[in-house]
Amino acid sequence: MYIRCVYTKRCPRSVSKWDARKARANLAKHGVSFDEASTAFYDEFGLLLDDPDASVQEDRFILLGLSSRMWLLVVVHCFREPDETIRIISARPAVQYETDLYREQLRS
């Protein structure tokens, strides 16, 4: 719950960053640009989850959120607090069970 509050308050001011090479590879593999993925952070109903596959060096999170094109995306990212930067690691369209999870939290 704490993480959701942090993002809700900070996303509009935060800066999204990513590795350009990784962004090109992500677009080729998943058809989602990191520019598009960054818009999912403005979804007020976005669902933030801990990333179970996170590295030990940094906390990673998964956002299920609607992008500006109304695509439900899964965005893996980390939040770097000193400079309020969101580093996007990967982004892809949500699969059915993720879509169901997003819709379920809208009902509650």
Foldseek 3Di string as FASTA:
>chain_A
DVVLVCLVPQLVVAAEDEDPVQQVVQCVVAVDGVVQVSQFSPANLKDKDWDPPDDPVFTKIWIQGQTPVRFGKTWIWGADPVRRYIYTRHMHGDDDVSVVVSVVSVVD
